[in-house]
Each structure stands twice: as structure tokens, then as C-alpha cells.
Amino acid sequence: MIYQARSSAGIWLHYKNTDLIIDPGPGALVRCRAVFPRIDPAGLDGILLTHKHLDHANDVNVMIEAMTQGGRSKRGELFVPGDALDEKEGVVLNYLRRYPAGVTVLKPGRFSLGDVSFSVVLRNRHPVETYGIKFFLGSRVVSFVSDTEYFADLSRAYSGTDILVLNVVTPEKRKGIQHLSLPEAVLLCREIRPGTAVFTHFGMSMLDFDPQTREEEFSAQCGVRVKCAYDGMVLDPEEE
């Protein structure tokens, strides 16, 4: 994030007539206007934060402004963990909370937004309240595990996943860091057995490891097809 070696703008999910941005970190609005064809944030139906850390949530307020056209159009849904709304250390500004048509506090359970259905299956192990998301897109299940340390319940929670998106921060386990390392991502892939795994959210040490050139190596280790994300990557779940 600090060096913008990779964009921290988040992930845009488009399904049928529904558009949702996941974790709009620094540069989200700028990135929407810079890509071609341009993405129109005024057309958003929802914004979802997996957690309130700045690399995932810094631009949540500007995206609320964009989605609601500065509050002139009361529309869209905001999905956030409870601590993102905390009066002292929340990340959503108080005056903006009335702009969307609804604000939903995430917790384990099932949710929907337009054509998109998704579930929160468990709370992750991370320094702030963090949830992974399991999306049900037609016949396909796409899971975003988000930031967490490895623990055994992850495999059970994300079983039945067609596309598994893992935040792989370091090439090796580091004590005291509640993020997945490469060996732990490999272990999760072996346990969950998705059709495709996508590795993303690389730290600088992982980027130095040059993940784009190692997809075949990672795939062999995981026993499933592995793709390493890059800025502007587009993934069609029906083709995976």
C-alpha cells in the first residue's frame, strides 16, 4: 500500500445487474476513473468492508459519496463489521452514514444485495473484527477469505468453494503476523480443494518472490489451479 507497488483500490464484483466494491482501500475512486473502460462508482449498489484496516477501508467514505452522488441520491447498501462504526475508532464518518439506503453490520449469517447472495461463515483471526465472504453467484461459489492467520476452522468454513481468493502476504510464516503465508495458503488449497485459487494482497517480500512467474509451481504444490492476481485482473467465475 505505502509504495503502491500494487494497487490498493479493492475488488469490483459485477454480477447480472448488481455492482459491489469490496474493500475500497487507498486509490479506489482514482482507479475507477483510470481504468478502461471506466467503472462508474455512481452505479454502485453496495460497498463491503471485510475489516477496517486502512489498506482495505481508507476510501470507504469517498465511495459512499460517489455511490450516493454526495448524498443527493439515497441509494446503495453499506456492509461493514461493527467496529468500523465505532464512535471512537470507526472508519465511516458519522455524517455519511445516512447517505446510503441502508447500513448492515456484518456477522455470521446470510445476506443479499440485488442479484448477489453471500454469507459470512465465521470471524477471522486478525487484530480487528474481520470477516471472509462466501458469494453465491448462480451455480458458482466464490470465497474471499480476507486477512487472517491460519486456523483449522477455515477449511470447514470454505468447503464447497469453486474459486478461493486468498490474501497471501509473505512467502514464509512470520511469528506474530496474523496473515496467511505461502505455505499456509498451499495447505488451505489442499484442504479445501477449490477449482481455482487466486493469490493476492502480496506484501513486498512476496512481490520480491515474483509470484506471477511461479503459478505453475504453486499449482503443483496446491494440487489445484493457482492464479496470482495483478492490477486490473478480470476473472469470470463461469470460465473457471
Protein backbone atom coordinates (compact mmCIF):
# COMPACT_ATOMS: atom_id res chain seq x y z
CA MET A 1 0.00 0.00 0.00
CA ILE A 2 2.63 2.55 1.07
CA TYR A 3 4.68 2.29 -2.13
CA GLN A 4 1.70 1.42 -4.35
CA ALA A 5 3.77 -1.43 -5.76
CA ARG A 6 0.32 -2.92 -6.31
CA SER A 7 -2.96 -1.06 -6.34
CA SER A 8 -4.84 -0.99 -3.03
CA ALA A 9 -8.14 0.04 -4.64
CA GLY A 10 -10.06 -3.14 -3.79
CA ILE A 11 -12.11 -5.60 -5.84
CA TRP A 12 -15.13 -4.79 -8.00
CA LEU A 13 -17.75 -7.52 -8.24
CA HIS A 14 -20.26 -7.34 -11.09
CA TYR A 15 -22.99 -9.98 -11.33
CA LYS A 16 -26.06 -9.63 -13.56
CA ASN A 17 -27.42 -6.18 -12.63
CA THR A 18 -25.58 -5.76 -9.34
CA ASP A 19 -22.29 -3.97 -8.68
CA LEU A 20 -20.42 -4.19 -5.39
CA ILE A 21 -16.99 -2.95 -4.36
CA ILE A 22 -15.09 -4.98 -1.76
CA ASP A 23 -12.51 -3.29 0.47
CA PRO A 24 -12.03 0.12 -1.20
CA GLY A 25 -8.57 1.00 0.05
CA PRO A 26 -6.41 3.97 -0.97
CA GLY A 27 -6.92 4.91 -4.60
CA ALA A 28 -10.31 3.26 -5.12
CA LEU A 29 -12.03 6.25 -6.68
CA VAL A 30 -9.00 7.23 -8.75
CA ARG A 31 -8.66 3.66 -10.04
CA CYS A 32 -12.32 3.59 -11.11
CA ARG A 33 -11.72 6.66 -13.27
CA ALA A 34 -8.37 5.48 -14.62
CA VAL A 35 -9.24 2.02 -15.96
CA PHE A 36 -10.63 1.43 -19.45
CA PRO A 37 -13.46 1.01 -19.91
CA ARG A 38 -14.13 3.27 -16.95
CA ILE A 39 -16.01 1.97 -13.94
CA ASP A 40 -18.74 4.31 -12.75
CA PRO A 41 -18.86 4.38 -8.92
CA ALA A 42 -22.20 6.22 -9.12
CA GLY A 43 -23.60 2.93 -10.39
CA LEU A 44 -22.60 1.01 -7.29
CA ASP A 45 -25.28 -0.97 -5.50
CA GLY A 46 -23.16 -1.67 -2.44
CA ILE A 47 -19.88 -1.34 -0.58
CA LEU A 48 -18.49 -4.13 1.59
CA LEU A 49 -15.65 -3.94 4.09
CA THR A 50 -14.14 -7.17 5.36
CA HIS A 51 -12.43 -5.09 8.05
CA LYS A 52 -11.48 -1.52 8.92
CA HIS A 53 -7.71 -1.50 8.34
CA LEU A 54 -6.69 1.39 6.08
CA ASP A 55 -5.44 -0.74 3.21
CA HIS A 56 -8.97 -2.16 2.97
CA ALA A 57 -11.14 0.75 4.06
CA ASN A 58 -9.39 4.08 3.51
CA ASP A 59 -11.62 5.13 0.61
CA VAL A 60 -14.92 3.87 2.00
CA ASN A 61 -16.11 7.44 2.63
CA VAL A 62 -15.34 8.75 -0.85
CA MET A 63 -17.02 5.69 -2.35
CA ILE A 64 -20.13 6.35 -0.24
CA GLU A 65 -20.09 9.91 -1.61
CA ALA A 66 -19.73 8.57 -5.16
CA MET A 67 -22.41 5.87 -4.81
CA THR A 68 -24.93 8.38 -3.44
CA GLN A 69 -23.80 11.35 -5.56
CA GLY A 70 -22.81 13.30 -2.50
CA GLY A 71 -25.92 12.27 -0.59
CA ARG A 72 -28.33 13.61 -3.22
CA SER A 73 -29.43 10.08 -4.11
CA LYS A 74 -30.24 7.90 -1.10
CA ARG A 75 -29.27 4.54 -2.54
CA GLY A 76 -26.97 1.56 -2.10
CA GLU A 77 -26.12 -0.61 0.89
CA LEU A 78 -23.07 -0.44 3.13
CA PHE A 79 -21.92 -3.72 4.70
CA VAL A 80 -19.33 -3.35 7.49
CA PRO A 81 -18.13 -5.06 10.67
CA GLY A 82 -19.46 -3.47 13.84
CA ASP A 83 -16.16 -1.91 14.86
CA ALA A 84 -15.99 0.03 11.57
CA LEU A 85 -18.87 2.10 13.01
CA ASP A 86 -17.30 2.58 16.43
CA GLU A 87 -17.70 6.16 17.67
CA LYS A 88 -14.02 6.48 18.62
CA GLU A 89 -12.12 4.33 16.14
CA GLY A 90 -14.60 3.63 13.36
CA VAL A 91 -13.75 4.43 9.75
CA VAL A 92 -17.14 5.51 8.39
CA LEU A 93 -17.77 9.20 9.02
CA ASN A 94 -20.91 9.90 11.03
CA TYR A 95 -22.47 12.33 8.59
CA LEU A 96 -22.11 9.84 5.72
CA ARG A 97 -23.93 7.03 7.49
CA ARG A 98 -27.30 8.45 6.49
CA TYR A 99 -26.38 8.67 2.79
CA PRO A 100 -26.83 5.01 1.75
CA ALA A 101 -30.29 3.45 1.66
CA GLY A 102 -29.09 1.01 4.31
CA VAL A 103 -26.19 0.13 6.60
CA THR A 104 -25.81 -3.53 7.54
CA VAL A 105 -23.50 -4.74 10.30
CA LEU A 106 -21.77 -7.95 9.27
CA LYS A 107 -21.85 -11.04 11.45
CA PRO A 108 -22.07 -14.76 10.69
CA GLY A 109 -25.18 -15.29 8.58
CA ARG A 110 -26.68 -14.91 5.11
CA PHE A 111 -27.09 -11.61 3.24
CA SER A 112 -28.22 -10.40 -0.16
CA LEU A 113 -27.80 -7.38 -2.40
CA GLY A 114 -29.77 -7.30 -5.63
CA ASP A 115 -28.73 -10.37 -7.65
CA VAL A 116 -25.90 -11.24 -5.24
CA SER A 117 -26.29 -13.60 -2.29
CA PHE A 118 -23.46 -14.08 0.18
CA SER A 119 -22.69 -15.41 3.60
CA VAL A 120 -20.31 -14.68 6.46
CA VAL A 121 -19.28 -18.07 7.76
CA LEU A 122 -17.01 -17.19 10.69
CA ARG A 123 -14.89 -14.44 12.20
CA ASN A 124 -11.25 -14.39 11.16
CA ARG A 125 -8.26 -14.14 13.48
CA HIS A 126 -6.90 -10.66 12.86
CA PRO A 127 -6.21 -7.63 15.09
CA VAL A 128 -9.60 -6.05 14.26
CA GLU A 129 -13.03 -7.52 13.58
CA THR A 130 -12.60 -9.27 10.24
CA TYR A 131 -14.82 -11.50 8.12
CA GLY A 132 -14.35 -13.51 4.98
CA ILE A 133 -17.18 -13.64 2.46
CA LYS A 134 -18.65 -16.58 0.55
CA PHE A 135 -20.51 -15.38 -2.57
CA PHE A 136 -23.15 -17.50 -4.31
CA LEU A 137 -23.19 -16.44 -7.96
CA GLY A 138 -25.54 -18.72 -9.84
CA SER A 139 -24.00 -22.18 -9.75
CA ARG A 140 -20.61 -20.87 -8.64
CA VAL A 141 -19.29 -20.21 -5.14
CA VAL A 142 -16.56 -17.58 -4.88
CA SER A 143 -14.91 -17.13 -1.47
CA PHE A 144 -12.81 -14.19 -0.30
CA VAL A 145 -11.09 -15.33 2.90
CA SER A 146 -9.59 -11.86 3.61
CA ASP A 147 -6.87 -11.19 6.20
CA THR A 148 -6.39 -13.83 8.86
CA GLU A 149 -3.91 -16.13 10.46
CA TYR A 150 -4.32 -19.78 9.61
CA PHE A 151 -6.62 -21.84 11.82
CA ALA A 152 -8.26 -25.19 11.22
CA ASP A 153 -11.87 -23.93 11.02
CA LEU A 154 -11.10 -22.08 7.76
CA SER A 155 -11.08 -25.32 5.79
CA ARG A 156 -14.50 -26.34 7.04
CA ALA A 157 -15.97 -22.87 6.55
CA TYR A 158 -14.88 -22.56 2.93
CA SER A 159 -15.55 -26.10 1.77
CA GLY A 160 -17.59 -26.30 -1.42
CA THR A 161 -15.82 -23.30 -2.95
CA ASP A 162 -15.24 -23.10 -6.70
CA ILE A 163 -12.94 -20.06 -6.65
CA LEU A 164 -10.93 -19.39 -3.49
CA VAL A 165 -9.31 -15.96 -3.10
CA LEU A 166 -6.53 -15.88 -0.50
CA ASN A 167 -4.56 -12.90 0.80
CA VAL A 168 -1.00 -14.26 0.75
CA VAL A 169 1.21 -11.65 2.36
CA THR A 170 4.56 -13.37 2.91
CA PRO A 171 6.47 -16.26 1.29
CA GLU A 172 7.12 -17.80 4.71
CA LYS A 173 5.43 -17.81 8.10
CA ARG A 174 6.38 -14.92 10.37
CA LYS A 175 5.71 -15.08 14.08
CA GLY A 176 3.24 -12.54 15.39
CA ILE A 177 1.80 -11.59 11.99
CA GLN A 178 -1.85 -12.55 11.60
CA HIS A 179 -1.74 -13.00 7.85
CA LEU A 180 -1.52 -16.06 5.64
CA SER A 181 1.91 -17.08 4.42
CA LEU A 182 2.51 -19.02 1.22
CA PRO A 183 2.87 -22.44 2.95
CA GLU A 184 -0.42 -21.82 4.78
CA ALA A 185 -2.15 -20.83 1.55
CA VAL A 186 -0.91 -24.06 -0.02
CA LEU A 187 -2.26 -26.01 2.96
CA LEU A 188 -5.68 -24.35 2.67
CA CYS A 189 -5.85 -25.14 -1.04
CA ARG A 190 -5.06 -28.78 -0.34
CA GLU A 191 -7.72 -28.92 2.36
CA ILE A 192 -10.49 -27.01 0.56
CA ARG A 193 -9.80 -28.23 -2.99
CA PRO A 194 -11.34 -25.35 -4.97
CA GLY A 195 -11.49 -25.43 -8.75
CA THR A 196 -9.24 -22.35 -8.90
CA ALA A 197 -7.28 -20.48 -6.24
CA VAL A 198 -6.36 -16.82 -6.62
CA PHE A 199 -3.45 -15.49 -4.57
CA THR A 200 -3.47 -11.73 -3.95
CA HIS A 201 -2.71 -8.97 -1.38
CA PHE A 202 1.04 -9.58 -1.70
CA GLY A 203 3.43 -7.90 0.71
CA MET A 204 6.76 -6.57 -0.58
CA SER A 205 8.60 -9.77 0.32
CA MET A 206 6.02 -11.77 -1.64
CA LEU A 207 6.39 -9.45 -4.62
CA ASP A 208 10.16 -9.94 -4.46
CA PHE A 209 9.36 -13.65 -4.71
CA ASP A 210 7.88 -12.84 -8.18
CA PRO A 211 4.59 -14.73 -7.84
CA GLN A 212 3.48 -14.17 -11.46
CA THR A 213 6.28 -16.40 -12.73
CA ARG A 214 5.52 -19.17 -10.22
CA GLU A 215 1.92 -20.03 -10.99
CA GLU A 216 2.79 -23.49 -12.32
CA GLU A 217 4.96 -24.15 -9.27
CA PHE A 218 2.20 -23.01 -6.90
CA SER A 219 -0.38 -25.06 -8.79
CA ALA A 220 1.74 -28.18 -8.42
CA GLN A 221 2.20 -27.56 -4.70
CA CYS A 222 -1.51 -26.90 -4.12
CA GLY A 223 -2.90 -29.61 -6.36
CA VAL A 224 -5.31 -27.05 -7.86
CA ARG A 225 -5.02 -24.34 -10.50
CA VAL A 226 -3.47 -21.19 -9.00
CA LYS A 227 -3.61 -17.70 -10.44
CA CYS A 228 -1.62 -14.81 -9.00
CA ALA A 229 -3.56 -11.56 -9.13
CA TYR A 230 -2.32 -8.40 -10.82
CA ASP A 231 -3.69 -4.88 -11.14
CA GLY A 232 -6.69 -4.79 -13.45
CA MET A 233 -7.16 -8.57 -13.44
CA VAL A 234 -10.63 -9.69 -14.56
CA LEU A 235 -11.95 -13.10 -13.55
CA ASP A 236 -15.13 -14.67 -14.95
CA PRO A 237 -16.39 -17.31 -12.48
CA GLU A 238 -18.22 -19.16 -15.27
CA GLU A 239 -14.93 -19.73 -17.08
CA GLU A 240 -13.04 -21.11 -14.08
